[in-house]
Protein backbone atom coordinates (compact mmCIF):
# COMPACT_ATOMS: atom_id res chain seq x y z
CA MET A 1 0.00 0.00 0.00
CA THR A 2 1.41 3.39 -1.03
CA LEU A 3 2.05 5.85 1.80
CA THR A 4 0.37 9.13 0.92
CA GLY A 5 -0.17 12.52 2.54
CA LYS A 6 1.47 14.48 5.33
CA GLY A 7 2.95 12.87 8.43
CA MET A 8 4.56 13.98 11.68
CA TRP A 9 7.31 12.27 13.63
CA ILE A 10 6.83 11.78 17.38
CA TRP A 11 9.94 11.26 19.48
CA GLN A 12 8.76 11.18 23.11
CA VAL A 13 5.02 10.71 23.50
CA PRO A 14 4.76 12.36 26.97
CA ASN A 15 6.25 15.55 25.45
CA CYS A 16 3.43 15.77 22.91
CA GLU A 17 0.23 17.34 24.30
CA SER A 18 1.41 16.22 27.76
CA GLY A 19 0.73 12.65 26.73
CA ASP A 20 -2.95 13.28 25.95
CA TYR A 21 -3.51 10.57 23.32
CA ALA A 22 -6.97 11.73 22.32
CA LYS A 23 -5.72 15.28 21.79
CA ILE A 24 -2.79 14.07 19.67
CA ALA A 25 -5.18 12.05 17.53
CA SER A 26 -7.64 14.93 17.16
CA LEU A 27 -4.91 17.39 16.21
CA ALA A 28 -3.44 14.94 13.70
CA TYR A 29 -6.85 14.52 12.08
CA SER A 30 -7.77 18.20 12.05
CA GLY A 31 -4.28 19.03 10.76
CA GLY A 32 -4.80 16.91 7.68
CA PHE A 33 -2.18 14.30 8.52
CA SER A 34 -2.57 10.86 7.01
CA HIS A 35 -0.21 9.22 9.49
CA VAL A 36 2.14 9.70 12.41
CA LEU A 37 5.51 8.07 13.01
CA VAL A 38 6.24 7.22 16.65
CA LYS A 39 9.53 6.01 18.11
CA ILE A 40 9.13 2.37 19.14
CA ALA A 41 12.72 1.30 19.86
CA ASP A 42 16.26 2.51 20.46
CA ALA A 43 19.10 0.05 19.87
CA ALA A 44 17.79 -3.34 21.03
CA LYS A 45 15.31 -1.94 23.57
CA ALA A 46 11.69 -0.87 23.43
CA TYR A 47 10.95 2.86 23.63
CA ASN A 48 8.09 5.11 24.72
CA TYR A 49 6.89 3.29 27.80
CA ASN A 50 7.08 4.10 31.51
CA LYS A 51 9.94 2.07 32.96
CA THR A 52 8.47 2.32 36.45
CA THR A 53 4.81 1.52 35.84
CA GLY A 54 5.07 -0.29 32.50
CA ASP A 55 2.52 2.10 30.98
CA ASP A 56 2.69 1.56 27.21
CA TYR A 57 2.53 4.93 25.46
CA VAL A 58 2.71 3.48 21.95
CA ALA A 59 -0.26 1.16 22.48
CA LYS A 60 -2.50 3.97 23.73
CA LEU A 61 -1.36 6.41 21.05
CA THR A 62 -1.91 3.84 18.31
CA THR A 63 -5.45 3.13 19.49
CA ALA A 64 -6.34 6.83 19.61
CA VAL A 65 -4.83 7.68 16.21
CA ARG A 66 -6.38 4.70 14.46
CA ALA A 67 -9.78 5.65 15.84
CA LYS A 68 -9.45 8.73 13.64
CA GLY A 69 -8.74 6.56 10.61
CA LEU A 70 -5.06 7.56 10.41
CA GLY A 71 -2.01 5.34 9.95
CA VAL A 72 0.73 4.67 12.50
CA TRP A 73 4.33 3.90 11.55
CA GLY A 74 7.05 3.02 14.04
CA TRP A 75 10.59 4.37 13.87
CA HIS A 76 13.71 2.96 15.44
CA TYR A 77 17.21 4.40 15.91
CA VAL A 78 19.72 1.65 15.13
CA TYR A 79 23.43 1.69 16.02
CA GLY A 80 24.69 -1.52 14.43
CA TYR A 81 26.43 -2.86 17.55
CA ASP A 82 23.84 -5.61 18.00
CA PRO A 83 22.10 -6.10 14.62
CA ALA A 84 20.36 -9.32 15.69
CA GLY A 85 18.98 -7.70 18.83
CA GLU A 86 17.92 -4.59 16.95
CA ALA A 87 16.14 -6.66 14.32
CA ALA A 88 14.41 -8.71 17.02
CA ILE A 89 13.01 -5.67 18.84
CA ALA A 90 11.97 -4.10 15.52
CA ILE A 91 10.02 -7.21 14.60
CA SER A 92 8.40 -7.69 18.00
CA GLN A 93 7.37 -4.04 18.37
CA THR A 94 6.00 -3.79 14.83
CA LYS A 95 3.96 -6.94 15.31
CA LYS A 96 2.86 -6.01 18.83
CA TYR A 97 1.21 -2.80 17.63
CA ASP A 98 0.29 -4.11 14.16
CA LEU A 99 1.98 -1.03 12.68
CA ASP A 100 1.34 0.16 9.15
CA GLY A 101 5.06 0.47 8.49
CA TYR A 102 8.52 0.53 10.05
CA VAL A 103 11.27 3.16 9.63
CA ILE A 104 15.00 2.54 10.17
CA ASP A 105 16.78 5.64 11.49
CA ALA A 106 20.44 4.88 10.77
CA GLU A 107 23.06 7.61 10.90
CA SER A 108 26.71 8.19 11.92
CA GLU A 109 27.27 4.79 13.57
CA TYR A 110 26.71 3.14 10.21
CA LYS A 111 29.58 5.04 8.62
CA LEU A 112 32.12 3.04 10.63
CA ALA A 113 34.27 0.43 8.91
CA GLY A 114 32.59 -2.92 8.28
CA ARG A 115 29.05 -1.64 8.66
CA ALA A 116 27.90 -2.79 5.22
CA ALA A 117 27.99 -6.40 6.41
CA VAL A 118 26.24 -5.39 9.62
CA ALA A 119 23.49 -3.70 7.60
CA ASP A 120 23.08 -6.89 5.56
CA THR A 121 22.74 -8.92 8.76
CA PHE A 122 20.16 -6.54 10.18
CA MET A 123 18.10 -6.28 7.02
CA THR A 124 18.08 -10.02 6.38
CA ALA A 125 16.80 -10.73 9.90
CA LEU A 126 14.33 -7.83 9.71
CA ARG A 127 12.81 -8.98 6.44
CA LYS A 128 12.60 -12.56 7.62
CA GLY A 129 10.43 -11.39 10.49
CA LEU A 130 8.56 -8.66 8.58
CA PRO A 131 8.29 -9.99 5.03
CA SER A 132 5.32 -7.86 3.97
CA THR A 133 5.50 -4.78 6.23
CA PRO A 134 6.43 -1.57 4.37
CA VAL A 135 9.94 -0.56 5.45
CA ALA A 136 11.65 2.81 4.97
CA LEU A 137 15.17 4.14 5.53
CA SER A 138 15.61 7.50 7.24
CA SER A 139 19.11 8.91 6.93
CA TYR A 140 21.13 11.71 5.34
CA ARG A 141 19.80 14.05 2.64
CA PHE A 142 22.81 13.91 0.27
CA PRO A 143 24.42 10.50 -0.33
CA SER A 144 27.40 12.24 -1.97
CA TYR A 145 28.33 13.66 1.44
CA HIS A 146 28.19 10.24 3.12
CA THR A 147 29.83 7.73 0.81
CA ALA A 148 30.84 5.46 3.71
CA PHE A 149 27.19 4.88 4.59
CA PRO A 150 25.92 1.48 3.29
CA TRP A 151 23.04 2.87 1.22
CA LYS A 152 22.67 -0.15 -1.03
CA ASN A 153 22.70 -2.63 1.84
CA PHE A 154 19.74 -0.90 3.48
CA LEU A 155 17.78 0.16 0.41
CA ASN A 156 17.96 -3.28 -1.22
CA LYS A 157 15.31 -4.47 1.22
CA CYS A 158 13.41 -1.19 1.75
CA ASP A 159 10.21 0.00 0.11
CA TYR A 160 10.75 3.72 0.70
CA ASN A 161 13.52 6.23 1.28
CA MET A 162 12.78 8.97 3.84
CA PRO A 163 15.85 11.23 3.69
CA GLN A 164 16.21 13.87 6.39
CA VAL A 165 16.23 16.95 4.17
CA TYR A 166 17.20 19.48 6.83
CA TRP A 167 18.57 22.71 5.35
CA MET A 168 20.28 23.94 8.53
CA SER A 169 22.05 27.31 8.17
CA ALA A 170 20.34 27.81 4.80
CA HIS A 171 16.94 28.85 3.50
CA ASP A 172 16.69 27.08 0.13
CA ALA A 173 14.26 24.31 0.96
CA ALA A 174 13.07 23.52 -2.56
CA ALA A 175 16.59 23.50 -4.01
CA GLN A 176 17.87 21.14 -1.31
CA LEU A 177 14.95 18.77 -1.81
CA LEU A 178 15.59 18.72 -5.56
CA ARG A 179 19.25 17.97 -4.98
CA SER A 180 18.40 15.14 -2.58
CA TYR A 181 16.07 13.61 -5.16
CA THR A 182 18.61 13.99 -7.97
CA GLU A 183 21.37 12.32 -5.96
CA PHE A 184 19.22 9.39 -4.90
CA LYS A 185 18.01 8.88 -8.46
CA ALA A 186 21.64 8.41 -9.44
CA ILE A 187 22.33 5.53 -7.02
CA THR A 188 21.10 1.94 -7.06
CA PRO A 189 18.60 0.89 -5.94
CA TYR A 190 16.28 3.88 -6.12
CA ARG A 191 13.31 3.77 -3.78
CA PRO A 192 10.37 6.21 -3.81
CA LEU A 193 11.17 9.27 -1.72
CA ILE A 194 8.97 10.45 1.13
CA PRO A 195 11.23 13.18 2.51
CA THR A 196 11.32 14.45 6.07
CA GLY A 197 11.55 18.19 6.57
CA PRO A 198 12.68 20.15 9.64
CA ALA A 199 10.15 21.46 12.13
CA PHE A 200 12.60 22.33 14.90
CA THR A 201 15.18 24.87 15.98
CA GLU A 202 18.90 24.03 16.01
CA ASN A 203 21.30 26.49 17.59
CA SER A 204 20.19 29.85 16.16
CA TRP A 205 18.58 28.45 13.00
CA THR A 206 14.89 27.86 12.44
CA PRO A 207 13.19 27.24 9.09
CA THR A 208 10.49 29.68 8.12
CA ALA A 209 6.84 28.88 7.47
CA ASP A 210 7.30 29.84 3.81
CA GLU A 211 10.20 27.39 3.51
CA LEU A 212 8.09 24.52 4.82
CA VAL A 213 5.37 25.35 2.32
CA ALA A 214 7.98 25.51 -0.46
CA PHE A 215 9.27 22.12 0.68
CA MET A 216 5.82 20.55 0.41
CA LYS A 217 5.07 22.18 -2.91
CA LYS A 218 8.35 20.92 -4.34
CA ALA A 219 7.69 17.43 -2.98
CA GLN A 220 4.38 17.33 -4.78
CA ALA A 221 5.86 18.82 -7.94
CA LEU A 222 8.45 16.03 -7.97
CA GLY A 223 5.66 13.46 -7.75
CA PHE A 224 6.26 12.30 -4.18
CA THR A 225 3.18 10.72 -2.61
CA GLY A 226 3.94 12.08 0.84
CA ALA A 227 6.21 14.05 3.14
CA ASN A 228 6.91 14.10 6.87
CA PHE A 229 8.22 16.55 9.45
CA PHE A 230 10.39 16.12 12.54
CA SER A 231 9.05 16.57 15.11
CA TRP A 232 5.74 17.01 16.91
CA ASP A 233 7.65 17.40 20.20
CA ALA A 234 9.66 20.39 18.94
CA CYS A 235 7.03 22.06 16.79
CA ARG A 236 3.44 21.95 18.01
CA THR A 237 3.66 24.27 21.01
CA LYS A 238 7.15 25.75 20.61
CA LEU A 239 6.91 26.74 16.94
CA PRO A 240 3.21 27.42 16.32
CA THR A 241 3.85 29.35 13.10
CA LEU A 242 5.54 26.30 11.59
CA TRP A 243 2.77 24.02 12.85
CA SER A 244 0.18 26.26 11.21
CA ALA A 245 2.11 26.19 7.94
CA ILE A 246 2.25 22.40 7.92
CA THR A 247 -1.34 21.78 8.97
CA GLY A 248 -2.67 24.55 6.76
CA TYR A 249 -1.12 23.10 3.62
CA SER A 250 -3.58 20.98 1.66
CA TRP A 251 -2.00 17.70 0.60
CA THR A 252 -4.68 15.87 -1.32
CA TRP A 253 -5.49 12.43 -0.03
CA GLN A 254 -8.70 10.66 0.87
CA GLN A 255 -9.08 11.44 4.54
CA PRO A 256 -11.34 8.86 6.17
CA THR A 257 -14.27 9.47 8.44
CA PRO A 258 -13.15 8.72 12.00
CA THR A 259 -14.18 5.27 13.17
CA PRO A 260 -16.24 5.46 16.37
CA VAL A 261 -14.40 3.94 19.29
CA ALA A 262 -16.30 1.05 20.84
CA ASP A 263 -17.19 1.58 24.48
CA ILE A 264 -15.47 -0.79 26.90
CA SER A 265 -18.82 -2.45 27.66
CA GLU A 266 -19.12 -3.45 24.00
CA THR A 267 -15.49 -4.56 23.95
CA PHE A 268 -16.09 -6.59 27.12
CA ILE A 269 -19.02 -8.53 25.62
CA LYS A 270 -17.08 -9.14 22.40
CA ALA A 271 -14.15 -10.44 24.46
CA LEU A 272 -16.44 -12.89 26.29
CA ASN A 273 -17.64 -14.22 22.94
CA THR A 274 -14.07 -14.96 21.83
CA LYS A 275 -13.71 -17.37 24.80
CA ASN A 276 -10.05 -16.28 24.84
CA LEU A 277 -8.87 -15.64 28.40
CA ASP A 278 -5.94 -13.48 27.25
CA THR A 279 -8.33 -11.22 25.32
CA ILE A 280 -10.63 -10.90 28.35
CA MET A 281 -7.83 -10.29 30.83
CA ALA A 282 -6.31 -7.57 28.64
CA LEU A 283 -9.32 -5.44 29.66
CA TYR A 284 -8.48 -5.58 33.39
CA SER A 285 -6.00 -3.62 35.47
CA THR A 286 -3.38 -5.73 37.22
CA GLU A 287 -4.95 -5.23 40.66
CA GLY A 288 -8.55 -5.23 39.49
CA VAL A 289 -11.32 -6.33 41.85
CA HIS A 290 -14.14 -8.69 40.83
CA ILE A 291 -17.25 -9.22 42.97
CA ASP A 292 -20.17 -11.62 42.55
CA SER A 293 -22.71 -13.17 44.92
CA GLU A 294 -20.20 -15.80 46.03
CA SER A 295 -16.86 -14.05 46.44
CA THR A 296 -14.68 -10.98 46.16
CA ILE A 297 -11.38 -11.56 44.38
CA GLN A 298 -8.50 -9.34 43.34
CA GLY A 299 -5.73 -9.57 40.76
CA THR A 300 -5.66 -10.89 37.22
CA SER A 301 -4.65 -14.41 38.25
CA ALA A 302 -7.73 -14.90 40.41
CA ILE A 303 -10.04 -13.18 37.91
CA ARG A 304 -8.64 -15.34 35.11
CA THR A 305 -9.54 -18.47 37.09
CA TRP A 306 -13.06 -17.12 37.62
CA TYR A 307 -13.56 -16.64 33.87
CA SER A 308 -12.12 -20.04 33.11
CA ASN A 309 -14.76 -21.59 35.35
CA LEU A 310 -17.52 -19.41 33.87
CA LEU A 311 -16.73 -20.26 30.25
CA THR A 312 -15.98 -23.96 30.67
CA SER A 313 -18.27 -25.09 33.51
CA ARG A 314 -21.05 -22.62 34.20
CA LEU A 315 -21.76 -21.33 30.69
CA PRO A 316 -19.84 -23.54 28.25
CA SER A 317 -19.79 -22.30 24.63
CA ALA A 318 -22.02 -19.39 25.63
CA THR A 319 -23.07 -16.55 23.36
CA PHE A 320 -23.29 -13.23 25.22
CA THR A 321 -25.47 -10.31 24.13
CA LEU A 322 -25.21 -6.75 25.42
CA GLY A 323 -28.48 -5.17 26.46
CA THR A 324 -28.41 -1.62 27.86
CA ASN A 325 -25.22 0.30 28.56
CA THR A 326 -25.40 3.37 30.77
CA ILE A 327 -22.27 5.52 30.80
CA SER A 328 -21.61 7.75 33.80
CA GLY A 329 -18.09 9.20 33.74
CA THR A 330 -15.73 6.30 34.36
CA THR A 331 -18.54 3.95 35.41
CA ARG A 332 -20.55 1.61 33.22
CA HIS A 333 -23.86 -0.03 34.16
CA LEU A 334 -24.79 -2.73 31.68
CA THR A 335 -27.29 -5.52 31.24
CA TRP A 336 -26.65 -8.69 29.29
CA THR A 337 -28.03 -12.08 28.38
CA ALA A 338 -26.37 -15.37 27.49
CA THR A 339 -27.29 -18.73 26.05
CA SER A 340 -25.19 -21.88 26.47
CA SER A 341 -25.38 -25.65 26.29
CA SER A 342 -26.02 -25.88 30.05
CA GLY A 343 -28.39 -22.98 30.61
CA SER A 344 -29.13 -19.35 29.93
CA VAL A 345 -28.91 -15.96 31.63
CA LYS A 346 -31.68 -13.41 31.17
CA ASP A 347 -30.90 -10.99 34.01
CA GLY A 348 -27.17 -10.27 33.75
CA THR A 349 -26.36 -6.94 35.43
CA ASP A 350 -22.82 -5.60 35.74
CA THR A 351 -21.10 -2.47 36.98
CA LEU A 352 -17.64 -1.63 35.64
CA GLY A 353 -15.32 0.94 37.18
CA ILE A 354 -12.74 2.16 34.65
CA VAL A 355 -9.29 3.56 35.50
CA ASP A 356 -6.86 4.48 32.69
CA GLY A 357 -8.93 2.54 30.19
CA LYS A 358 -8.88 -0.70 32.22
CA ILE A 359 -11.49 -2.39 34.40
CA ALA A 360 -10.42 -1.73 37.99
CA TYR A 361 -13.70 -2.72 39.64
CA HIS A 362 -16.29 -5.21 38.39
CA TYR A 363 -19.51 -6.23 40.10
CA THR A 364 -21.59 -8.91 38.35
CA PHE A 365 -24.97 -10.41 39.14
CA TYR A 366 -26.80 -13.12 37.16
CA HIS A 367 -28.91 -16.31 37.43
CA ILE A 368 -28.46 -19.37 35.24
CA THR A 369 -31.77 -21.00 34.35
């Protein structure tokens, strides 16, 4: 699938809209973006999660952005010191979030001696694990300036080239983009360009709004299907004039109607119908509390056992149907019915208490007849 439209790179999710995922998604949609690119790994380690609590920023961002009908690509800074480990984390993170594409950010470390073979090792392992995922290379703007970089070894197995066309200390955006395109056309293999422009300040230099517009106009004139900017973190609140220039530029693409996000009560009933305990337990907080007429239990291990008994002994092969769903802030009051091979439920009544998108409190009442 061809990547089209405008995109924005996200480096550290908590630094974008103070980590407000819904606001990021809304701004991306209203700004005319077709996709965002979020950092998912650095070296051989996952990125953008809370190391203390385990809170997964990428998962929540991906859910919010996709609810708006936009794409999510993951990007990964690679160093080449552990190509097998870097390929492994790239594969696992891309699959974990079911990303629309994966971007390799390879720079100065890959100009060291012997790195062509390292790039081959990395790309071979990467493509073995991600045979059909669109892959892009993000690196220098002018290959003639970086002849030691293993361009061919990366691009051989890439679908796109996303050069970092940053015109620091200059103000000739269109000319630099044209030069980047001309130089990449002259090397083998050529991959379609989706250039990345600068939306940041470095030392005393900042691009102007007119330069960013010129960059996008030139990209479209050269026939590129898309362009990106680095980065949301540096631009949205710190450089509002540049943000306005990017979001105000009309890059024609078929923007989808946002997909309504299913309420957790609907997701809960759907999870019950899968009969998959992992799917059900993914809805609960680690220390969630579950109460019924017989017991009060806490923790996912105990709750998992409760559901195992419900789905295999009490209501085997049951089909659950959501009745009413009353939403009151973070509380849900729902009714449900179920039919199974050993009986049916006509009076299911549950209360769900939601904290950070997870079920933290669950009271259930029902009779099997």
